[in-house]
Amino acid sequence: MRRIFFTILAALGINFGAKSQTEKLDSGLKNTLKITANRFENKNHAFLINLAKDNTVIMQVVHGALIEQTATPENSFNFSINLTFDNEMEKLAKFRTLEMFDDFEYYEFDGIPCFAINMGNNQEKTQKVLLEILNKVYGFENSDIFEFEIYDQGPVRR
């Protein structure tokens, strides 16, 4: 999943309703969540946010309706964090030491260990959780430069 299709398309300059920005991790994350809420919450459009470093997608935030484990009966707008640990057992071990680990729901995709959590529409809490994971599991600093890609996935069906 690390070098996914959307990143390749974005690198080629092909974007489908995408908005991309490059900023420091902490401020970029805050701005990206705000932009996403302003753009999609009222319309309840599904979205996908790629958090990328050096053209590699590190993590994704999506509308909860896009993941079975985070979907709600009414498919209301929310920020859901989706983590995958494909051949990253050291990072998975670090993730398991976090206090928040038990709040995530485990599932497998093609044998890959995955974890998901629905954060509701709470931007501050979503940012806090993402920063803790990116700092403590992946070793990034809040001042590191990241690319934030936002993709419109269309209206959510209820």
N, C-alpha and C. Protein backbone atom coordinates (compact mmCIF):
# COMPACT_ATOMS: atom_id res chain seq x y z
N MET A 1 0.82 -1.19 0.00
CA MET A 1 0.00 0.00 0.00
C MET A 1 0.86 1.25 0.00
N ARG A 2 2.12 1.13 0.31
CA ARG A 2 2.96 2.30 0.50
C ARG A 2 3.02 3.20 -0.74
N ARG A 3 3.08 2.65 -1.89
CA ARG A 3 3.11 3.48 -3.11
C ARG A 3 1.85 3.15 -3.90
N ILE A 4 0.79 3.80 -3.50
CA ILE A 4 -0.50 3.45 -4.08
C ILE A 4 -0.78 4.22 -5.35
N PHE A 5 -1.80 3.76 -6.01
CA PHE A 5 -2.22 4.29 -7.31
C PHE A 5 -2.41 5.80 -7.31
N PHE A 6 -3.06 6.34 -6.29
CA PHE A 6 -3.32 7.79 -6.27
C PHE A 6 -2.03 8.59 -6.25
N THR A 7 -1.02 8.12 -5.55
CA THR A 7 0.25 8.82 -5.49
C THR A 7 0.92 8.83 -6.85
N ILE A 8 0.85 7.71 -7.55
CA ILE A 8 1.43 7.63 -8.89
C ILE A 8 0.74 8.62 -9.82
N LEU A 9 -0.59 8.65 -9.76
CA LEU A 9 -1.33 9.58 -10.61
C LEU A 9 -0.99 11.03 -10.27
N ALA A 10 -0.90 11.33 -8.99
CA ALA A 10 -0.57 12.69 -8.57
C ALA A 10 0.83 13.08 -9.05
N ALA A 11 1.77 12.14 -8.99
CA ALA A 11 3.13 12.41 -9.45
C ALA A 11 3.15 12.70 -10.96
N LEU A 12 2.23 12.09 -11.68
CA LEU A 12 2.13 12.33 -13.12
C LEU A 12 1.31 13.58 -13.44
N GLY A 13 0.79 14.23 -12.38
CA GLY A 13 -0.01 15.43 -12.60
C GLY A 13 -1.46 15.12 -12.92
N ILE A 14 -1.89 13.90 -12.69
CA ILE A 14 -3.27 13.51 -12.96
C ILE A 14 -4.00 13.42 -11.62
N ASN A 15 -4.93 14.34 -11.38
CA ASN A 15 -5.66 14.36 -10.12
C ASN A 15 -7.15 14.35 -10.39
N PHE A 16 -7.86 13.54 -9.66
CA PHE A 16 -9.31 13.47 -9.76
C PHE A 16 -9.90 14.21 -8.56
N GLY A 17 -10.19 15.49 -8.72
CA GLY A 17 -10.74 16.26 -7.62
C GLY A 17 -9.80 16.31 -6.43
N ALA A 18 -8.52 16.29 -6.69
CA ALA A 18 -7.53 16.24 -5.61
C ALA A 18 -7.05 17.62 -5.24
N LYS A 19 -6.72 17.77 -3.98
CA LYS A 19 -6.08 18.97 -3.48
C LYS A 19 -4.83 18.50 -2.77
N SER A 20 -3.70 19.09 -3.10
CA SER A 20 -2.44 18.65 -2.53
C SER A 20 -1.70 19.86 -1.97
N GLN A 21 -1.05 19.67 -0.83
CA GLN A 21 -0.25 20.73 -0.24
C GLN A 21 0.96 20.10 0.44
N THR A 22 2.02 20.86 0.53
CA THR A 22 3.23 20.41 1.20
C THR A 22 3.50 21.37 2.35
N GLU A 23 3.58 20.81 3.56
CA GLU A 23 3.77 21.62 4.76
C GLU A 23 4.47 20.81 5.83
N LYS A 24 4.78 21.49 6.95
CA LYS A 24 5.29 20.79 8.12
C LYS A 24 4.19 19.86 8.62
N LEU A 25 4.59 18.74 9.21
CA LEU A 25 3.65 17.71 9.63
C LEU A 25 2.53 18.25 10.51
N ASP A 26 2.87 18.96 11.58
CA ASP A 26 1.82 19.38 12.51
C ASP A 26 0.87 20.41 11.91
N SER A 27 1.38 21.45 11.31
CA SER A 27 0.50 22.48 10.74
C SER A 27 -0.21 21.97 9.49
N GLY A 28 0.46 21.17 8.69
CA GLY A 28 -0.16 20.61 7.49
C GLY A 28 -1.30 19.68 7.81
N LEU A 29 -1.12 18.89 8.84
CA LEU A 29 -2.18 17.97 9.27
C LEU A 29 -3.39 18.75 9.75
N LYS A 30 -3.16 19.76 10.57
CA LYS A 30 -4.27 20.59 11.07
C LYS A 30 -5.01 21.24 9.91
N ASN A 31 -4.28 21.83 8.97
CA ASN A 31 -4.90 22.49 7.81
C ASN A 31 -5.66 21.50 6.92
N THR A 32 -5.08 20.33 6.72
CA THR A 32 -5.70 19.32 5.86
C THR A 32 -7.02 18.83 6.45
N LEU A 33 -7.06 18.58 7.74
CA LEU A 33 -8.31 18.14 8.37
C LEU A 33 -9.38 19.23 8.30
N LYS A 34 -8.96 20.47 8.49
CA LYS A 34 -9.90 21.60 8.40
C LYS A 34 -10.44 21.75 6.97
N ILE A 35 -9.56 21.69 5.99
CA ILE A 35 -9.98 21.79 4.58
C ILE A 35 -10.94 20.66 4.24
N THR A 36 -10.63 19.45 4.69
CA THR A 36 -11.46 18.29 4.40
C THR A 36 -12.85 18.45 5.01
N ALA A 37 -12.92 18.87 6.27
CA ALA A 37 -14.22 19.08 6.92
C ALA A 37 -15.01 20.17 6.20
N ASN A 38 -14.36 21.28 5.88
CA ASN A 38 -15.06 22.38 5.19
C ASN A 38 -15.56 21.96 3.82
N ARG A 39 -14.81 21.14 3.15
CA ARG A 39 -15.15 20.75 1.78
C ARG A 39 -16.16 19.61 1.69
N PHE A 40 -16.14 18.67 2.64
CA PHE A 40 -16.93 17.45 2.50
C PHE A 40 -18.00 17.19 3.56
N GLU A 41 -17.89 17.82 4.73
CA GLU A 41 -18.81 17.47 5.82
C GLU A 41 -20.27 17.79 5.48
N ASN A 42 -20.56 18.99 4.99
CA ASN A 42 -21.95 19.36 4.68
C ASN A 42 -22.57 18.50 3.60
N LYS A 43 -21.76 18.11 2.61
CA LYS A 43 -22.26 17.27 1.51
C LYS A 43 -22.17 15.78 1.85
N ASN A 44 -21.49 15.46 2.94
CA ASN A 44 -21.20 14.08 3.33
C ASN A 44 -20.59 13.29 2.18
N HIS A 45 -19.58 13.89 1.56
CA HIS A 45 -18.82 13.20 0.53
C HIS A 45 -17.75 12.34 1.17
N ALA A 46 -17.53 11.19 0.59
CA ALA A 46 -16.41 10.36 1.03
C ALA A 46 -15.12 11.04 0.57
N PHE A 47 -14.07 10.82 1.31
CA PHE A 47 -12.77 11.40 0.99
C PHE A 47 -11.68 10.43 1.37
N LEU A 48 -10.52 10.68 0.83
CA LEU A 48 -9.32 9.94 1.17
C LEU A 48 -8.19 10.94 1.31
N ILE A 49 -7.48 10.88 2.42
CA ILE A 49 -6.32 11.75 2.63
C ILE A 49 -5.08 10.86 2.70
N ASN A 50 -4.12 11.16 1.87
CA ASN A 50 -2.82 10.49 1.93
C ASN A 50 -1.85 11.39 2.68
N LEU A 51 -1.16 10.84 3.66
CA LEU A 51 -0.07 11.53 4.33
C LEU A 51 1.20 10.91 3.77
N ALA A 52 1.92 11.67 2.96
CA ALA A 52 3.06 11.12 2.23
C ALA A 52 4.35 11.84 2.57
N LYS A 53 5.41 11.06 2.60
CA LYS A 53 6.76 11.58 2.83
C LYS A 53 7.66 10.99 1.76
N ASP A 54 8.36 11.84 1.02
CA ASP A 54 9.27 11.39 -0.03
C ASP A 54 8.57 10.46 -1.03
N ASN A 55 7.39 10.88 -1.48
CA ASN A 55 6.58 10.15 -2.47
C ASN A 55 6.13 8.76 -2.00
N THR A 56 6.10 8.55 -0.69
CA THR A 56 5.64 7.29 -0.13
C THR A 56 4.48 7.59 0.82
N VAL A 57 3.34 6.94 0.61
CA VAL A 57 2.21 7.13 1.50
C VAL A 57 2.51 6.40 2.80
N ILE A 58 2.50 7.15 3.89
CA ILE A 58 2.79 6.60 5.21
C ILE A 58 1.50 6.13 5.88
N MET A 59 0.45 6.92 5.72
CA MET A 59 -0.79 6.64 6.42
C MET A 59 -1.95 7.28 5.65
N GLN A 60 -3.16 6.77 5.90
CA GLN A 60 -4.35 7.33 5.27
C GLN A 60 -5.42 7.65 6.31
N VAL A 61 -6.15 8.72 6.03
CA VAL A 61 -7.34 9.08 6.78
C VAL A 61 -8.46 9.08 5.76
N VAL A 62 -9.57 8.42 6.08
CA VAL A 62 -10.67 8.28 5.12
C VAL A 62 -12.01 8.54 5.80
N HIS A 63 -13.03 8.73 4.99
CA HIS A 63 -14.40 8.75 5.50
C HIS A 63 -14.69 7.34 5.98
N GLY A 64 -15.26 7.22 7.15
CA GLY A 64 -15.48 5.91 7.76
C GLY A 64 -16.29 4.94 6.92
N ALA A 65 -17.14 5.45 6.02
CA ALA A 65 -17.95 4.58 5.18
C ALA A 65 -17.09 3.76 4.21
N LEU A 66 -15.83 4.16 4.01
CA LEU A 66 -14.96 3.46 3.08
C LEU A 66 -14.31 2.21 3.68
N ILE A 67 -14.43 2.05 5.00
CA ILE A 67 -13.85 0.89 5.68
C ILE A 67 -14.96 0.22 6.48
N GLU A 68 -15.15 -1.05 6.25
CA GLU A 68 -16.21 -1.78 6.94
C GLU A 68 -16.10 -1.64 8.46
N GLN A 69 -14.90 -1.66 9.00
CA GLN A 69 -14.69 -1.63 10.44
C GLN A 69 -15.04 -0.28 11.07
N THR A 70 -15.08 0.78 10.28
CA THR A 70 -15.36 2.11 10.84
C THR A 70 -16.67 2.70 10.34
N ALA A 71 -17.36 1.99 9.47
CA ALA A 71 -18.63 2.48 8.94
C ALA A 71 -19.68 2.53 10.06
N THR A 72 -20.56 3.50 9.97
CA THR A 72 -21.67 3.62 10.91
C THR A 72 -22.96 3.33 10.15
N PRO A 73 -24.04 2.97 10.85
CA PRO A 73 -25.30 2.66 10.16
C PRO A 73 -25.79 3.81 9.26
N GLU A 74 -25.58 5.04 9.69
CA GLU A 74 -26.05 6.19 8.90
C GLU A 74 -24.97 6.75 7.96
N ASN A 75 -23.75 6.18 8.02
CA ASN A 75 -22.63 6.61 7.18
C ASN A 75 -22.38 8.12 7.27
N SER A 76 -22.47 8.66 8.48
CA SER A 76 -22.25 10.09 8.66
C SER A 76 -20.76 10.43 8.50
N PHE A 77 -20.50 11.70 8.23
CA PHE A 77 -19.14 12.19 8.03
C PHE A 77 -18.29 11.89 9.27
N ASN A 78 -17.09 11.40 9.04
CA ASN A 78 -16.14 11.20 10.13
C ASN A 78 -14.74 11.02 9.56
N PHE A 79 -13.78 11.19 10.44
CA PHE A 79 -12.39 10.92 10.11
C PHE A 79 -12.06 9.54 10.66
N SER A 80 -11.67 8.63 9.80
CA SER A 80 -11.25 7.30 10.22
C SER A 80 -9.80 7.09 9.82
N ILE A 81 -9.02 6.61 10.77
CA ILE A 81 -7.61 6.35 10.53
C ILE A 81 -7.45 4.89 10.15
N ASN A 82 -6.72 4.65 9.08
CA ASN A 82 -6.48 3.29 8.60
C ASN A 82 -4.97 3.05 8.55
N LEU A 83 -4.51 2.08 9.33
CA LEU A 83 -3.08 1.75 9.39
C LEU A 83 -2.86 0.37 8.82
N THR A 84 -1.81 0.22 8.03
CA THR A 84 -1.43 -1.10 7.53
C THR A 84 0.04 -1.33 7.87
N PHE A 85 0.37 -2.57 8.17
CA PHE A 85 1.75 -2.92 8.54
C PHE A 85 2.21 -4.07 7.67
N ASP A 86 2.43 -3.78 6.40
CA ASP A 86 2.90 -4.77 5.44
C ASP A 86 4.42 -4.89 5.54
N ASN A 87 4.89 -6.02 6.07
CA ASN A 87 6.33 -6.27 6.26
C ASN A 87 6.99 -5.21 7.15
N GLU A 88 6.25 -4.73 8.13
CA GLU A 88 6.76 -3.71 9.04
C GLU A 88 6.55 -4.16 10.49
N MET A 89 7.09 -5.29 10.83
CA MET A 89 6.86 -5.87 12.15
C MET A 89 7.43 -5.01 13.28
N GLU A 90 8.54 -4.31 13.02
CA GLU A 90 9.11 -3.44 14.04
C GLU A 90 8.16 -2.28 14.35
N LYS A 91 7.59 -1.69 13.31
CA LYS A 91 6.64 -0.59 13.51
C LYS A 91 5.36 -1.11 14.18
N LEU A 92 4.92 -2.28 13.79
CA LEU A 92 3.73 -2.89 14.42
C LEU A 92 3.98 -3.10 15.91
N ALA A 93 5.16 -3.56 16.26
CA ALA A 93 5.50 -3.76 17.68
C ALA A 93 5.46 -2.43 18.44
N LYS A 94 5.97 -1.36 17.83
CA LYS A 94 5.92 -0.04 18.47
C LYS A 94 4.47 0.42 18.63
N PHE A 95 3.66 0.20 17.59
CA PHE A 95 2.24 0.60 17.64
C PHE A 95 1.53 -0.12 18.79
N ARG A 96 1.83 -1.38 18.98
CA ARG A 96 1.18 -2.17 20.05
C ARG A 96 1.52 -1.66 21.45
N THR A 97 2.60 -0.89 21.59
CA THR A 97 2.97 -0.37 22.91
C THR A 97 2.22 0.92 23.26
N LEU A 98 1.57 1.53 22.27
CA LEU A 98 0.86 2.78 22.52
C LEU A 98 -0.39 2.54 23.36
N GLU A 99 -0.68 3.47 24.23
CA GLU A 99 -1.87 3.37 25.07
C GLU A 99 -3.15 3.28 24.25
N MET A 100 -3.18 3.92 23.10
CA MET A 100 -4.37 3.95 22.24
C MET A 100 -4.58 2.67 21.43
N PHE A 101 -3.63 1.76 21.45
CA PHE A 101 -3.68 0.56 20.63
C PHE A 101 -5.01 -0.18 20.77
N ASP A 102 -5.48 -0.34 21.98
CA ASP A 102 -6.72 -1.10 22.22
C ASP A 102 -7.96 -0.44 21.64
N ASP A 103 -7.88 0.84 21.31
CA ASP A 103 -9.02 1.55 20.73
C ASP A 103 -9.20 1.24 19.24
N PHE A 104 -8.17 0.70 18.61
CA PHE A 104 -8.22 0.37 17.18
C PHE A 104 -8.82 -1.01 16.97
N GLU A 105 -9.51 -1.15 15.85
CA GLU A 105 -10.07 -2.45 15.49
C GLU A 105 -9.14 -3.13 14.49
N TYR A 106 -8.78 -4.37 14.82
CA TYR A 106 -7.88 -5.14 13.97
C TYR A 106 -8.66 -5.83 12.86
N TYR A 107 -8.07 -5.84 11.66
CA TYR A 107 -8.58 -6.66 10.56
C TYR A 107 -7.41 -6.98 9.64
N GLU A 108 -7.61 -7.93 8.76
CA GLU A 108 -6.57 -8.28 7.79
C GLU A 108 -7.08 -8.02 6.39
N PHE A 109 -6.17 -7.58 5.53
CA PHE A 109 -6.46 -7.40 4.11
C PHE A 109 -5.37 -8.12 3.35
N ASP A 110 -5.73 -9.18 2.65
CA ASP A 110 -4.76 -10.01 1.93
C ASP A 110 -3.61 -10.45 2.83
N GLY A 111 -3.94 -10.80 4.06
CA GLY A 111 -2.93 -11.26 5.00
C GLY A 111 -2.12 -10.17 5.67
N ILE A 112 -2.40 -8.92 5.35
CA ILE A 112 -1.67 -7.79 5.93
C ILE A 112 -2.39 -7.32 7.19
N PRO A 113 -1.69 -7.20 8.32
CA PRO A 113 -2.33 -6.69 9.53
C PRO A 113 -2.70 -5.22 9.37
N CYS A 114 -3.96 -4.92 9.66
CA CYS A 114 -4.49 -3.56 9.53
C CYS A 114 -5.23 -3.17 10.80
N PHE A 115 -5.29 -1.88 11.05
CA PHE A 115 -5.97 -1.35 12.22
C PHE A 115 -6.73 -0.10 11.80
N ALA A 116 -7.95 0.04 12.32
CA ALA A 116 -8.77 1.19 11.95
C ALA A 116 -9.49 1.73 13.18
N ILE A 117 -9.75 3.02 13.15
CA ILE A 117 -10.49 3.67 14.23
C ILE A 117 -11.29 4.84 13.65
N ASN A 118 -12.52 4.98 14.11
CA ASN A 118 -13.39 6.08 13.71
C ASN A 118 -13.25 7.17 14.76
N MET A 119 -12.82 8.36 14.34
CA MET A 119 -12.59 9.47 15.26
C MET A 119 -13.76 10.44 15.29
N GLY A 120 -14.87 10.11 14.64
CA GLY A 120 -15.98 11.06 14.54
C GLY A 120 -15.53 12.25 13.71
N ASN A 121 -16.09 13.41 13.98
CA ASN A 121 -15.66 14.60 13.23
C ASN A 121 -14.76 15.50 14.08
N ASN A 122 -14.10 14.92 15.07
CA ASN A 122 -13.24 15.65 15.99
C ASN A 122 -11.85 15.84 15.37
N GLN A 123 -11.63 17.02 14.81
CA GLN A 123 -10.36 17.31 14.14
C GLN A 123 -9.18 17.31 15.11
N GLU A 124 -9.35 17.90 16.28
CA GLU A 124 -8.25 17.99 17.24
C GLU A 124 -7.81 16.62 17.72
N LYS A 125 -8.77 15.77 18.05
CA LYS A 125 -8.44 14.42 18.52
C LYS A 125 -7.79 13.61 17.39
N THR A 126 -8.30 13.75 16.18
CA THR A 126 -7.73 13.05 15.03
C THR A 126 -6.28 13.47 14.83
N GLN A 127 -6.02 14.77 14.88
CA GLN A 127 -4.66 15.28 14.72
C GLN A 127 -3.76 14.74 15.83
N LYS A 128 -4.23 14.75 17.07
CA LYS A 128 -3.43 14.28 18.20
C LYS A 128 -3.05 12.81 18.03
N VAL A 129 -4.01 11.97 17.66
CA VAL A 129 -3.75 10.54 17.48
C VAL A 129 -2.77 10.32 16.33
N LEU A 130 -2.99 10.99 15.20
CA LEU A 130 -2.10 10.84 14.06
C LEU A 130 -0.67 11.27 14.40
N LEU A 131 -0.52 12.40 15.07
CA LEU A 131 0.81 12.87 15.42
C LEU A 131 1.51 11.90 16.37
N GLU A 132 0.78 11.34 17.33
CA GLU A 132 1.39 10.39 18.25
C GLU A 132 1.90 9.16 17.50
N ILE A 133 1.10 8.65 16.57
CA ILE A 133 1.52 7.48 15.79
C ILE A 133 2.71 7.83 14.90
N LEU A 134 2.62 8.95 14.21
CA LEU A 134 3.70 9.34 13.30
C LEU A 134 5.00 9.63 14.05
N ASN A 135 4.90 10.17 15.26
CA ASN A 135 6.09 10.45 16.07
C ASN A 135 6.66 9.18 16.70
N LYS A 136 5.82 8.43 17.41
CA LYS A 136 6.31 7.32 18.22
C LYS A 136 6.50 6.01 17.46
N VAL A 137 5.71 5.79 16.41
CA VAL A 137 5.82 4.54 15.64
C VAL A 137 6.75 4.72 14.44
N TYR A 138 6.59 5.83 13.73
CA TYR A 138 7.35 6.03 12.50
C TYR A 138 8.59 6.91 12.68
N GLY A 139 8.69 7.60 13.82
CA GLY A 139 9.89 8.38 14.12
C GLY A 139 9.96 9.73 13.44
N PHE A 140 8.85 10.25 12.95
CA PHE A 140 8.85 11.56 12.32
C PHE A 140 8.74 12.66 13.37
N GLU A 141 9.28 13.82 13.02
CA GLU A 141 9.18 15.01 13.86
C GLU A 141 8.06 15.90 13.32
N ASN A 142 7.46 16.70 14.20
CA ASN A 142 6.37 17.59 13.76
C ASN A 142 6.84 18.61 12.73
N SER A 143 8.14 18.89 12.69
CA SER A 143 8.68 19.86 11.73
C SER A 143 9.03 19.22 10.38
N ASP A 144 8.94 17.90 10.26
CA ASP A 144 9.22 17.23 8.99
C ASP A 144 8.22 17.69 7.93
N ILE A 145 8.68 17.80 6.70
CA ILE A 145 7.83 18.23 5.59
C ILE A 145 7.13 17.01 5.01
N PHE A 146 5.80 17.12 4.89
CA PHE A 146 4.95 16.06 4.35
C PHE A 146 4.12 16.61 3.21
N GLU A 147 3.65 15.72 2.38
CA GLU A 147 2.67 16.09 1.36
C GLU A 147 1.33 15.54 1.82
N PHE A 148 0.31 16.38 1.73
CA PHE A 148 -1.04 16.02 2.14
C PHE A 148 -1.92 16.06 0.89
N GLU A 149 -2.44 14.91 0.50
CA GLU A 149 -3.27 14.80 -0.70
C GLU A 149 -4.70 14.47 -0.27
N ILE A 150 -5.64 15.27 -0.75
CA ILE A 150 -7.05 15.06 -0.42
C ILE A 150 -7.78 14.69 -1.71
N TYR A 151 -8.49 13.56 -1.68
CA TYR A 151 -9.23 13.08 -2.84
C TYR A 151 -10.71 13.00 -2.52
N ASP A 152 -11.53 13.54 -3.40
CA ASP A 152 -13.00 13.44 -3.30
C ASP A 152 -13.42 12.10 -3.85
N GLN A 153 -14.08 11.30 -3.03
CA GLN A 153 -14.53 9.98 -3.43
C GLN A 153 -16.03 9.95 -3.74
N GLY A 154 -16.67 11.11 -3.80
CA GLY A 154 -18.07 11.21 -4.18
C GLY A 154 -19.03 11.07 -3.01
N PRO A 155 -20.31 11.24 -3.29
CA PRO A 155 -21.32 11.17 -2.24
C PRO A 155 -21.38 9.81 -1.57
N VAL A 156 -21.66 9.82 -0.28
CA VAL A 156 -21.80 8.58 0.48
C VAL A 156 -23.25 8.11 0.37
N ARG A 157 -23.41 6.86 0.09
CA ARG A 157 -24.75 6.28 0.01
C ARG A 157 -25.18 5.87 1.40
N ARG A 158 -26.40 6.17 1.71
CA ARG A 158 -26.94 5.82 3.03
C ARG A 158 -27.71 4.56 2.98
